[in-house]
Amino acid sequence: MSAPFIDFRAAARALIASDAPLSEREGQFCGGMAYRLNPATEKQLRWLGIILNKHGLPPIAEGGAQ
């Protein structure tokens, strides 16, 4: 497995750019997270982590919420 993502924005952009068959809801969520200016909430990070895992991408590193 690759190294964890350091930033949640990079993780969201990687999902969008991947060949992962994202649902419409997942795609909308990742698009919003990819360019979010504010820190992500715990709930958002948890769901992003679930989507990353579902599509075989590395997790977000501890402290990657900023």
N, C-alpha and C. Protein backbone atom coordinates (compact mmCIF):
# COMPACT_ATOMS: atom_id res chain seq x y z
N MET A 1 0.84 -1.18 0.00
CA MET A 1 0.00 0.00 0.00
C MET A 1 0.88 1.24 0.00
N SER A 2 0.43 2.28 -0.64
CA SER A 2 1.16 3.55 -0.71
C SER A 2 1.12 4.27 0.62
N ALA A 3 1.92 5.30 0.71
CA ALA A 3 1.95 6.12 1.92
C ALA A 3 0.62 6.84 2.10
N PRO A 4 0.22 7.10 3.35
CA PRO A 4 -1.04 7.82 3.60
C PRO A 4 -1.01 9.24 3.01
N PHE A 5 -2.18 9.73 2.70
CA PHE A 5 -2.29 11.11 2.22
C PHE A 5 -2.03 12.05 3.39
N ILE A 6 -1.27 13.09 3.15
CA ILE A 6 -0.94 14.05 4.20
C ILE A 6 -2.08 15.05 4.38
N ASP A 7 -2.83 15.29 3.33
CA ASP A 7 -3.89 16.30 3.34
C ASP A 7 -5.18 15.71 2.79
N PHE A 8 -6.31 16.01 3.43
CA PHE A 8 -7.58 15.46 2.96
C PHE A 8 -7.95 15.97 1.58
N ARG A 9 -7.51 17.17 1.24
CA ARG A 9 -7.81 17.72 -0.09
C ARG A 9 -7.14 16.88 -1.18
N ALA A 10 -5.88 16.51 -0.93
CA ALA A 10 -5.15 15.67 -1.89
C ALA A 10 -5.82 14.31 -2.02
N ALA A 11 -6.31 13.78 -0.92
CA ALA A 11 -6.99 12.49 -0.95
C ALA A 11 -8.26 12.58 -1.80
N ALA A 12 -9.03 13.64 -1.63
CA ALA A 12 -10.26 13.82 -2.39
C ALA A 12 -9.95 13.99 -3.88
N ARG A 13 -8.91 14.76 -4.21
CA ARG A 13 -8.54 14.94 -5.62
C ARG A 13 -8.06 13.62 -6.23
N ALA A 14 -7.36 12.81 -5.45
CA ALA A 14 -6.90 11.52 -5.95
C ALA A 14 -8.08 10.61 -6.27
N LEU A 15 -9.10 10.65 -5.45
CA LEU A 15 -10.30 9.86 -5.72
C LEU A 15 -10.97 10.29 -7.02
N ILE A 16 -11.07 11.59 -7.21
CA ILE A 16 -11.71 12.11 -8.42
C ILE A 16 -10.90 11.73 -9.66
N ALA A 17 -9.58 11.78 -9.55
CA ALA A 17 -8.71 11.50 -10.70
C ALA A 17 -8.52 10.00 -10.95
N SER A 18 -8.89 9.18 -10.00
CA SER A 18 -8.69 7.73 -10.15
C SER A 18 -9.73 7.12 -11.07
N ASP A 19 -9.55 5.85 -11.33
CA ASP A 19 -10.52 5.09 -12.14
C ASP A 19 -11.66 4.56 -11.29
N ALA A 20 -11.71 4.97 -10.02
CA ALA A 20 -12.73 4.48 -9.09
C ALA A 20 -14.12 4.84 -9.60
N PRO A 21 -15.02 3.86 -9.62
CA PRO A 21 -16.39 4.14 -10.05
C PRO A 21 -17.18 4.80 -8.91
N LEU A 22 -16.98 6.09 -8.71
CA LEU A 22 -17.65 6.82 -7.64
C LEU A 22 -19.14 6.97 -7.93
N SER A 23 -19.94 6.86 -6.89
CA SER A 23 -21.36 7.17 -7.04
C SER A 23 -21.50 8.68 -7.19
N GLU A 24 -22.66 9.11 -7.61
CA GLU A 24 -22.88 10.55 -7.76
C GLU A 24 -22.66 11.27 -6.42
N ARG A 25 -23.16 10.68 -5.37
CA ARG A 25 -23.03 11.28 -4.03
C ARG A 25 -21.56 11.34 -3.60
N GLU A 26 -20.82 10.25 -3.84
CA GLU A 26 -19.40 10.25 -3.50
C GLU A 26 -18.64 11.29 -4.31
N GLY A 27 -18.96 11.40 -5.60
CA GLY A 27 -18.30 12.38 -6.46
C GLY A 27 -18.56 13.81 -6.02
N GLN A 28 -19.80 14.10 -5.66
CA GLN A 28 -20.14 15.45 -5.18
C GLN A 28 -19.40 15.75 -3.88
N PHE A 29 -19.37 14.78 -3.00
CA PHE A 29 -18.69 14.95 -1.72
C PHE A 29 -17.20 15.19 -1.94
N CYS A 30 -16.57 14.36 -2.77
CA CYS A 30 -15.13 14.51 -3.02
C CYS A 30 -14.82 15.83 -3.71
N GLY A 31 -15.69 16.26 -4.62
CA GLY A 31 -15.48 17.55 -5.28
C GLY A 31 -15.50 18.70 -4.29
N GLY A 32 -16.43 18.66 -3.35
CA GLY A 32 -16.48 19.70 -2.32
C GLY A 32 -15.29 19.65 -1.39
N MET A 33 -14.84 18.44 -1.04
CA MET A 33 -13.70 18.29 -0.14
C MET A 33 -12.39 18.68 -0.81
N ALA A 34 -12.28 18.46 -2.11
CA ALA A 34 -11.04 18.71 -2.83
C ALA A 34 -10.62 20.18 -2.78
N TYR A 35 -11.57 21.08 -2.70
CA TYR A 35 -11.24 22.51 -2.74
C TYR A 35 -11.77 23.25 -1.52
N ARG A 36 -12.02 22.52 -0.46
CA ARG A 36 -12.53 23.09 0.79
C ARG A 36 -11.46 23.97 1.43
N LEU A 37 -11.84 25.16 1.87
CA LEU A 37 -10.90 26.07 2.52
C LEU A 37 -10.83 25.84 4.02
N ASN A 38 -11.94 25.41 4.61
CA ASN A 38 -11.99 25.20 6.05
C ASN A 38 -11.54 23.79 6.40
N PRO A 39 -11.10 23.59 7.64
CA PRO A 39 -10.76 22.22 8.06
C PRO A 39 -11.99 21.31 7.97
N ALA A 40 -11.75 20.05 7.71
CA ALA A 40 -12.84 19.07 7.61
C ALA A 40 -13.27 18.65 9.01
N THR A 41 -14.53 18.28 9.12
CA THR A 41 -15.04 17.78 10.40
C THR A 41 -14.65 16.31 10.54
N GLU A 42 -14.77 15.80 11.74
CA GLU A 42 -14.47 14.39 11.98
C GLU A 42 -15.37 13.48 11.14
N LYS A 43 -16.64 13.85 11.03
CA LYS A 43 -17.59 13.06 10.24
C LYS A 43 -17.18 13.05 8.77
N GLN A 44 -16.76 14.18 8.23
CA GLN A 44 -16.33 14.25 6.83
C GLN A 44 -15.08 13.41 6.61
N LEU A 45 -14.13 13.51 7.54
CA LEU A 45 -12.91 12.72 7.42
C LEU A 45 -13.19 11.23 7.50
N ARG A 46 -14.13 10.86 8.35
CA ARG A 46 -14.49 9.46 8.49
C ARG A 46 -15.08 8.93 7.17
N TRP A 47 -16.00 9.71 6.57
CA TRP A 47 -16.61 9.26 5.32
C TRP A 47 -15.58 9.24 4.19
N LEU A 48 -14.71 10.24 4.13
CA LEU A 48 -13.66 10.24 3.11
C LEU A 48 -12.77 9.01 3.28
N GLY A 49 -12.45 8.66 4.52
CA GLY A 49 -11.65 7.47 4.78
C GLY A 49 -12.34 6.20 4.32
N ILE A 50 -13.66 6.13 4.51
CA ILE A 50 -14.43 4.97 4.05
C ILE A 50 -14.38 4.86 2.53
N ILE A 51 -14.52 5.99 1.85
CA ILE A 51 -14.49 5.99 0.38
C ILE A 51 -13.10 5.60 -0.12
N LEU A 52 -12.06 6.14 0.51
CA LEU A 52 -10.68 5.79 0.13
C LEU A 52 -10.47 4.28 0.26
N ASN A 53 -10.87 3.73 1.38
CA ASN A 53 -10.72 2.30 1.63
C ASN A 53 -11.51 1.47 0.62
N LYS A 54 -12.73 1.89 0.34
CA LYS A 54 -13.61 1.18 -0.60
C LYS A 54 -12.97 1.05 -1.98
N HIS A 55 -12.20 2.09 -2.37
CA HIS A 55 -11.62 2.11 -3.71
C HIS A 55 -10.12 1.78 -3.71
N GLY A 56 -9.62 1.24 -2.59
CA GLY A 56 -8.25 0.75 -2.54
C GLY A 56 -7.16 1.81 -2.49
N LEU A 57 -7.51 3.00 -2.04
CA LEU A 57 -6.50 4.06 -1.92
C LEU A 57 -6.03 4.15 -0.47
N PRO A 58 -4.84 4.71 -0.25
CA PRO A 58 -4.32 4.80 1.12
C PRO A 58 -5.17 5.73 2.00
N PRO A 59 -5.08 5.57 3.31
CA PRO A 59 -5.85 6.41 4.23
C PRO A 59 -5.25 7.82 4.35
N ILE A 60 -5.91 8.64 5.12
CA ILE A 60 -5.40 9.98 5.43
C ILE A 60 -4.55 9.85 6.69
N ALA A 61 -3.37 10.47 6.66
CA ALA A 61 -2.46 10.41 7.80
C ALA A 61 -3.06 11.14 9.00
N GLU A 62 -2.66 10.74 10.19
CA GLU A 62 -3.06 11.45 11.40
C GLU A 62 -2.67 12.91 11.25
N GLY A 63 -3.57 13.81 11.60
CA GLY A 63 -3.29 15.24 11.47
C GLY A 63 -3.55 15.77 10.08
N GLY A 64 -4.13 14.96 9.19
CA GLY A 64 -4.38 15.40 7.83
C GLY A 64 -5.65 16.19 7.65
N ALA A 65 -6.22 16.65 8.75
CA ALA A 65 -7.49 17.39 8.69
C ALA A 65 -7.27 18.86 8.37
N GLN A 66 -6.07 19.32 8.40
CA GLN A 66 -5.81 20.76 8.19
C GLN A 66 -5.67 21.10 6.74
